[in-house]
Amino acid sequence: MKIIKIFVSIVASLIAIVLLIAAFAPSEYALKKDIIINQNKSAVFDYIKLLKNQNNYSPWAERDPDMKKTYQGTDGTVGFISAWQSDNKTVGKGEQEILTIVGGERIDTELRFYEPFEATDSAYMTTESISENETKVVWGFLGKMPYPMNLMLLMMDMDKEIGGDLAKGLTNLKSILESTSE
């Protein structure tokens, strides 16, 4: 009986330590990637503000070309929703809604994931003129993990998990936009 009490005490202590660490661990993460595209800022922004165009450069769309897609509203305007559903677990089910657009500069969206996990995160894309025919595009992602799941942020490299996809998407975007300027 004494051994069981010691074992229970040790397990309870370990759980308490883990929960205490989670209380002080970060609950938010942010990452961004950028690329220079040899195209004028107006053309770049006009392309990226349309969520349907993400189907052409998003690495997540590449993973399941047969995913079901639905749309609500007018693309490129606040309130437009692009939804997806896939049997591929790395794509899952969710939707993206345009929250704000700063003409020629920035588009902010909310990502709502339903499967394989539930989460609500934010994404954005910005454009900045480098020269008349060069535009810097930044694709960023802001996420949250609730307590005590935020403990996973100490063990996960979010840049490795998501950053590579953002960089690949930007490379795809660059290829598309630069091929249209030739």
C-alpha atoms as a PDB file:
ATOM      1  CA  MET A   1       0.000   0.000   0.000  1.00  0.00           C
ATOM      2  CA  LYS A   2       2.880   2.350   0.797  1.00  0.00           C
ATOM      3  CA  ILE A   3       4.396   1.739  -2.652  1.00  0.00           C
ATOM      4  CA  ILE A   4       1.091   2.680  -4.308  1.00  0.00           C
ATOM      5  CA  LYS A   5       0.938   5.945  -2.304  1.00  0.00           C
ATOM      6  CA  ILE A   6       4.515   6.786  -3.306  1.00  0.00           C
ATOM      7  CA  PHE A   7       3.771   5.968  -6.942  1.00  0.00           C
ATOM      8  CA  VAL A   8       0.592   8.107  -6.935  1.00  0.00           C
ATOM      9  CA  SER A   9       2.497  10.961  -5.262  1.00  0.00           C
ATOM     10  CA  ILE A  10       5.257  10.806  -7.880  1.00  0.00           C
ATOM     11  CA  VAL A  11       2.761  10.736 -10.769  1.00  0.00           C
ATOM     12  CA  ALA A  12       0.753  13.614  -9.243  1.00  0.00           C
ATOM     13  CA  SER A  13       3.957  15.616  -8.729  1.00  0.00           C
ATOM     14  CA  LEU A  14       5.032  15.044 -12.334  1.00  0.00           C
ATOM     15  CA  ILE A  15       1.623  16.127 -13.626  1.00  0.00           C
ATOM     16  CA  ALA A  16       1.745  19.235 -11.431  1.00  0.00           C
ATOM     17  CA  ILE A  17       5.224  20.106 -12.725  1.00  0.00           C
ATOM     18  CA  VAL A  18       4.106  19.697 -16.343  1.00  0.00           C
ATOM     19  CA  LEU A  19       1.028  21.876 -15.734  1.00  0.00           C
ATOM     20  CA  LEU A  20       3.171  24.487 -14.010  1.00  0.00           C
ATOM     21  CA  ILE A  21       5.603  24.578 -16.923  1.00  0.00           C
ATOM     22  CA  ALA A  22       2.646  24.935 -19.315  1.00  0.00           C
ATOM     23  CA  ALA A  23       1.386  27.895 -17.272  1.00  0.00           C
ATOM     24  CA  PHE A  24       4.588  29.781 -18.114  1.00  0.00           C
ATOM     25  CA  ALA A  25       5.148  28.427 -21.637  1.00  0.00           C
ATOM     26  CA  PRO A  26       4.273  30.618 -24.617  1.00  0.00           C
ATOM     27  CA  SER A  27       0.764  30.138 -25.937  1.00  0.00           C
ATOM     28  CA  GLU A  28       1.234  32.022 -29.200  1.00  0.00           C
ATOM     29  CA  TYR A  29       3.583  31.676 -32.123  1.00  0.00           C
ATOM     30  CA  ALA A  30       4.307  33.785 -35.163  1.00  0.00           C
ATOM     31  CA  LEU A  31       6.275  33.058 -38.263  1.00  0.00           C
ATOM     32  CA  LYS A  32       6.731  34.660 -41.625  1.00  0.00           C
ATOM     33  CA  LYS A  33       8.568  34.090 -44.855  1.00  0.00           C
ATOM     34  CA  ASP A  34       9.305  36.509 -47.646  1.00  0.00           C
ATOM     35  CA  ILE A  35      10.408  36.524 -51.250  1.00  0.00           C
ATOM     36  CA  ILE A  36      11.220  39.075 -53.928  1.00  0.00           C
ATOM     37  CA  ILE A  37       9.075  38.744 -57.058  1.00  0.00           C
ATOM     38  CA  ASN A  38      10.137  40.363 -60.315  1.00  0.00           C
ATOM     39  CA  GLN A  39       6.761  41.957 -60.977  1.00  0.00           C
ATOM     40  CA  ASN A  40       5.206  45.300 -60.067  1.00  0.00           C
ATOM     41  CA  LYS A  41       3.469  45.617 -56.720  1.00  0.00           C
ATOM     42  CA  SER A  42       0.026  46.258 -58.177  1.00  0.00           C
ATOM     43  CA  ALA A  43       0.054  43.055 -60.236  1.00  0.00           C
ATOM     44  CA  VAL A  44       1.316  41.024 -57.279  1.00  0.00           C
ATOM     45  CA  PHE A  45      -1.279  42.384 -54.865  1.00  0.00           C
ATOM     46  CA  ASP A  46      -4.125  42.007 -57.355  1.00  0.00           C
ATOM     47  CA  TYR A  47      -3.196  38.323 -57.626  1.00  0.00           C
ATOM     48  CA  ILE A  48      -2.708  37.496 -53.932  1.00  0.00           C
ATOM     49  CA  LYS A  49      -5.845  39.281 -52.719  1.00  0.00           C
ATOM     50  CA  LEU A  50      -7.909  36.625 -54.517  1.00  0.00           C
ATOM     51  CA  LEU A  51      -8.104  33.589 -52.235  1.00  0.00           C
ATOM     52  CA  LYS A  52      -9.064  31.351 -55.163  1.00  0.00           C
ATOM     53  CA  ASN A  53      -5.584  31.989 -56.551  1.00  0.00           C
ATOM     54  CA  GLN A  54      -4.078  30.246 -53.514  1.00  0.00           C
ATOM     55  CA  ASN A  55      -5.145  27.011 -55.197  1.00  0.00           C
ATOM     56  CA  ASN A  56      -2.383  27.725 -57.735  1.00  0.00           C
ATOM     57  CA  TYR A  57       0.505  28.238 -55.296  1.00  0.00           C
ATOM     58  CA  SER A  58      -0.446  26.810 -51.912  1.00  0.00           C
ATOM     59  CA  PRO A  59       1.496  23.669 -50.945  1.00  0.00           C
ATOM     60  CA  TRP A  60      -1.589  22.474 -49.061  1.00  0.00           C
ATOM     61  CA  ALA A  61      -3.639  22.573 -52.286  1.00  0.00           C
ATOM     62  CA  GLU A  62      -0.870  20.556 -53.998  1.00  0.00           C
ATOM     63  CA  ARG A  63      -1.220  17.786 -51.413  1.00  0.00           C
ATOM     64  CA  ASP A  64      -4.766  17.032 -52.535  1.00  0.00           C
ATOM     65  CA  PRO A  65      -5.689  18.294 -56.002  1.00  0.00           C
ATOM     66  CA  ASP A  66      -9.074  16.553 -55.575  1.00  0.00           C
ATOM     67  CA  MET A  67     -10.073  18.364 -52.395  1.00  0.00           C
ATOM     68  CA  LYS A  68     -13.590  19.751 -52.354  1.00  0.00           C
ATOM     69  CA  LYS A  69     -13.640  23.574 -52.433  1.00  0.00           C
ATOM     70  CA  THR A  70     -16.529  25.947 -51.880  1.00  0.00           C
ATOM     71  CA  TYR A  71     -16.716  29.721 -51.879  1.00  0.00           C
ATOM     72  CA  GLN A  72     -19.011  32.353 -50.364  1.00  0.00           C
ATOM     73  CA  GLY A  73     -19.088  35.990 -51.335  1.00  0.00           C
ATOM     74  CA  THR A  74     -17.001  38.021 -53.752  1.00  0.00           C
ATOM     75  CA  ASP A  75     -13.360  37.004 -53.920  1.00  0.00           C
ATOM     76  CA  GLY A  76     -10.884  39.741 -53.097  1.00  0.00           C
ATOM     77  CA  THR A  77     -13.309  41.515 -50.752  1.00  0.00           C
ATOM     78  CA  VAL A  78     -13.781  41.510 -46.990  1.00  0.00           C
ATOM     79  CA  GLY A  79     -16.046  38.665 -45.910  1.00  0.00           C
ATOM     80  CA  PHE A  80     -15.151  36.285 -48.751  1.00  0.00           C
ATOM     81  CA  ILE A  81     -14.814  32.700 -47.492  1.00  0.00           C
ATOM     82  CA  SER A  82     -12.863  29.918 -49.174  1.00  0.00           C
ATOM     83  CA  ALA A  83     -13.605  26.498 -47.648  1.00  0.00           C
ATOM     84  CA  TRP A  84     -11.932  23.152 -48.242  1.00  0.00           C
ATOM     85  CA  GLN A  85     -12.470  19.519 -47.332  1.00  0.00           C
ATOM     86  CA  SER A  86      -9.994  16.721 -47.915  1.00  0.00           C
ATOM     87  CA  ASP A  87      -9.496  13.136 -46.837  1.00  0.00           C
ATOM     88  CA  ASN A  88      -5.760  13.903 -46.667  1.00  0.00           C
ATOM     89  CA  LYS A  89      -4.999  14.395 -42.948  1.00  0.00           C
ATOM     90  CA  THR A  90      -2.357  17.055 -43.686  1.00  0.00           C
ATOM     91  CA  VAL A  91      -5.025  19.138 -45.448  1.00  0.00           C
ATOM     92  CA  GLY A  92      -8.172  18.306 -43.477  1.00  0.00           C
ATOM     93  CA  LYS A  93     -11.225  20.526 -43.392  1.00  0.00           C
ATOM     94  CA  GLY A  94     -11.496  24.232 -42.775  1.00  0.00           C
ATOM     95  CA  GLU A  95     -12.114  27.668 -44.157  1.00  0.00           C
ATOM     96  CA  GLN A  96     -10.351  30.969 -44.649  1.00  0.00           C
ATOM     97  CA  GLU A  97     -12.107  34.332 -44.470  1.00  0.00           C
ATOM     98  CA  ILE A  98     -10.818  37.712 -45.609  1.00  0.00           C
ATOM     99  CA  LEU A  99     -10.969  40.036 -42.578  1.00  0.00           C
ATOM    100  CA  THR A 100      -9.244  43.174 -43.842  1.00  0.00           C
ATOM    101  CA  ILE A 101      -7.697  44.480 -47.006  1.00  0.00           C
ATOM    102  CA  VAL A 102      -5.444  47.506 -47.159  1.00  0.00           C
ATOM    103  CA  GLY A 103      -5.466  48.229 -50.890  1.00  0.00           C
ATOM    104  CA  GLY A 104      -2.217  47.313 -52.569  1.00  0.00           C
ATOM    105  CA  GLU A 105      -0.523  46.647 -49.218  1.00  0.00           C
ATOM    106  CA  ARG A 106      -1.958  43.883 -47.051  1.00  0.00           C
ATOM    107  CA  ILE A 107      -4.609  41.197 -46.748  1.00  0.00           C
ATOM    108  CA  ASP A 108      -5.507  39.639 -43.376  1.00  0.00           C
ATOM    109  CA  THR A 109      -7.411  36.379 -43.099  1.00  0.00           C
ATOM    110  CA  GLU A 110      -8.751  34.125 -40.394  1.00  0.00           C
ATOM    111  CA  LEU A 111      -8.138  30.413 -40.756  1.00  0.00           C
ATOM    112  CA  ARG A 112     -10.645  28.119 -39.101  1.00  0.00           C
ATOM    113  CA  PHE A 113      -9.542  24.497 -38.979  1.00  0.00           C
ATOM    114  CA  TYR A 114     -12.143  21.813 -38.198  1.00  0.00           C
ATOM    115  CA  GLU A 115     -10.318  18.570 -39.037  1.00  0.00           C
ATOM    116  CA  PRO A 116      -8.009  16.865 -38.130  1.00  0.00           C
ATOM    117  CA  PHE A 117      -7.981  19.361 -35.214  1.00  0.00           C
ATOM    118  CA  GLU A 118      -9.915  22.476 -34.278  1.00  0.00           C
ATOM    119  CA  ALA A 119      -8.138  25.810 -34.217  1.00  0.00           C
ATOM    120  CA  THR A 120      -8.575  29.401 -35.271  1.00  0.00           C
ATOM    121  CA  ASP A 121      -5.462  31.218 -36.447  1.00  0.00           C
ATOM    122  CA  SER A 122      -4.567  34.279 -38.480  1.00  0.00           C
ATOM    123  CA  ALA A 123      -2.629  34.698 -41.684  1.00  0.00           C
ATOM    124  CA  TYR A 124      -1.557  37.693 -43.695  1.00  0.00           C
ATOM    125  CA  MET A 125       0.227  38.648 -46.871  1.00  0.00           C
ATOM    126  CA  THR A 126       1.900  41.990 -47.465  1.00  0.00           C
ATOM    127  CA  THR A 127       3.474  43.595 -50.504  1.00  0.00           C
ATOM    128  CA  GLU A 128       6.231  46.199 -50.586  1.00  0.00           C
ATOM    129  CA  SER A 129       7.776  47.827 -53.654  1.00  0.00           C
ATOM    130  CA  ILE A 130      11.505  47.241 -53.864  1.00  0.00           C
ATOM    131  CA  SER A 131      11.707  48.889 -57.298  1.00  0.00           C
ATOM    132  CA  GLU A 132       9.314  49.536 -60.173  1.00  0.00           C
ATOM    133  CA  ASN A 133       9.302  45.844 -61.107  1.00  0.00           C
ATOM    134  CA  GLU A 134      10.317  44.142 -57.866  1.00  0.00           C
ATOM    135  CA  THR A 135       7.968  43.407 -55.009  1.00  0.00           C
ATOM    136  CA  LYS A 136       8.715  41.897 -51.630  1.00  0.00           C
ATOM    137  CA  VAL A 137       5.925  39.577 -50.526  1.00  0.00           C
ATOM    138  CA  VAL A 138       5.631  38.474 -46.894  1.00  0.00           C
ATOM    139  CA  TRP A 139       3.383  35.564 -45.935  1.00  0.00           C
ATOM    140  CA  GLY A 140       2.821  35.321 -42.203  1.00  0.00           C
ATOM    141  CA  PHE A 141       0.997  33.057 -39.821  1.00  0.00           C
ATOM    142  CA  LEU A 142      -0.077  33.748 -36.230  1.00  0.00           C
ATOM    143  CA  GLY A 143      -1.342  30.941 -34.047  1.00  0.00           C
ATOM    144  CA  LYS A 144      -2.380  30.118 -30.512  1.00  0.00           C
ATOM    145  CA  MET A 145      -2.415  26.949 -28.471  1.00  0.00           C
ATOM    146  CA  PRO A 146      -4.617  26.825 -25.391  1.00  0.00           C
ATOM    147  CA  TYR A 147      -3.321  25.774 -21.973  1.00  0.00           C
ATOM    148  CA  PRO A 148      -2.058  23.062 -21.386  1.00  0.00           C
ATOM    149  CA  MET A 149      -1.609  22.157 -25.081  1.00  0.00           C
ATOM    150  CA  ASN A 150       0.721  25.171 -25.362  1.00  0.00           C
ATOM    151  CA  LEU A 151       3.361  22.946 -23.777  1.00  0.00           C
ATOM    152  CA  MET A 152       3.785  21.438 -27.252  1.00  0.00           C
ATOM    153  CA  LEU A 153       5.213  24.769 -28.450  1.00  0.00           C
ATOM    154  CA  LEU A 154       8.291  24.057 -26.332  1.00  0.00           C
ATOM    155  CA  MET A 155       8.830  20.824 -28.238  1.00  0.00           C
ATOM    156  CA  MET A 156       7.746  21.799 -31.748  1.00  0.00           C
ATOM    157  CA  ASP A 157       9.672  23.831 -34.265  1.00  0.00           C
ATOM    158  CA  MET A 158       6.809  25.775 -35.844  1.00  0.00           C
ATOM    159  CA  ASP A 159       9.157  27.210 -38.447  1.00  0.00           C
ATOM    160  CA  LYS A 160       9.953  23.659 -39.510  1.00  0.00           C
ATOM    161  CA  GLU A 161       6.298  22.572 -39.280  1.00  0.00           C
ATOM    162  CA  ILE A 162       4.733  25.482 -41.198  1.00  0.00           C
ATOM    163  CA  GLY A 163       7.566  27.741 -42.356  1.00  0.00           C
ATOM    164  CA  GLY A 164       8.688  25.348 -45.066  1.00  0.00           C
ATOM    165  CA  ASP A 165       5.176  25.312 -46.509  1.00  0.00           C
ATOM    166  CA  LEU A 166       5.024  29.110 -46.510  1.00  0.00           C
ATOM    167  CA  ALA A 167       8.406  29.312 -48.259  1.00  0.00           C
ATOM    168  CA  LYS A 168       7.345  26.715 -50.848  1.00  0.00           C
ATOM    169  CA  GLY A 169       4.105  28.600 -51.466  1.00  0.00           C
ATOM    170  CA  LEU A 170       6.015  31.833 -52.015  1.00  0.00           C
ATOM    171  CA  THR A 171       8.383  30.108 -54.432  1.00  0.00           C
ATOM    172  CA  ASN A 172       5.352  28.778 -56.337  1.00  0.00           C
ATOM    173  CA  LEU A 173       3.819  32.275 -56.321  1.00  0.00           C
ATOM    174  CA  LYS A 174       7.044  33.788 -57.672  1.00  0.00           C
ATOM    175  CA  SER A 175       7.132  31.240 -60.484  1.00  0.00           C
ATOM    176  CA  ILE A 176       3.526  31.934 -61.458  1.00  0.00           C
ATOM    177  CA  LEU A 177       3.789  35.721 -61.372  1.00  0.00           C
ATOM    178  CA  GLU A 178       7.138  35.930 -63.098  1.00  0.00           C
ATOM    179  CA  SER A 179       5.984  33.623 -65.907  1.00  0.00           C
ATOM    180  CA  THR A 180       3.042  35.975 -66.597  1.00  0.00           C
ATOM    181  CA  SER A 181       5.358  38.950 -67.035  1.00  0.00           C
ATOM    182  CA  GLU A 182       7.378  37.330 -69.821  1.00  0.00           C
END
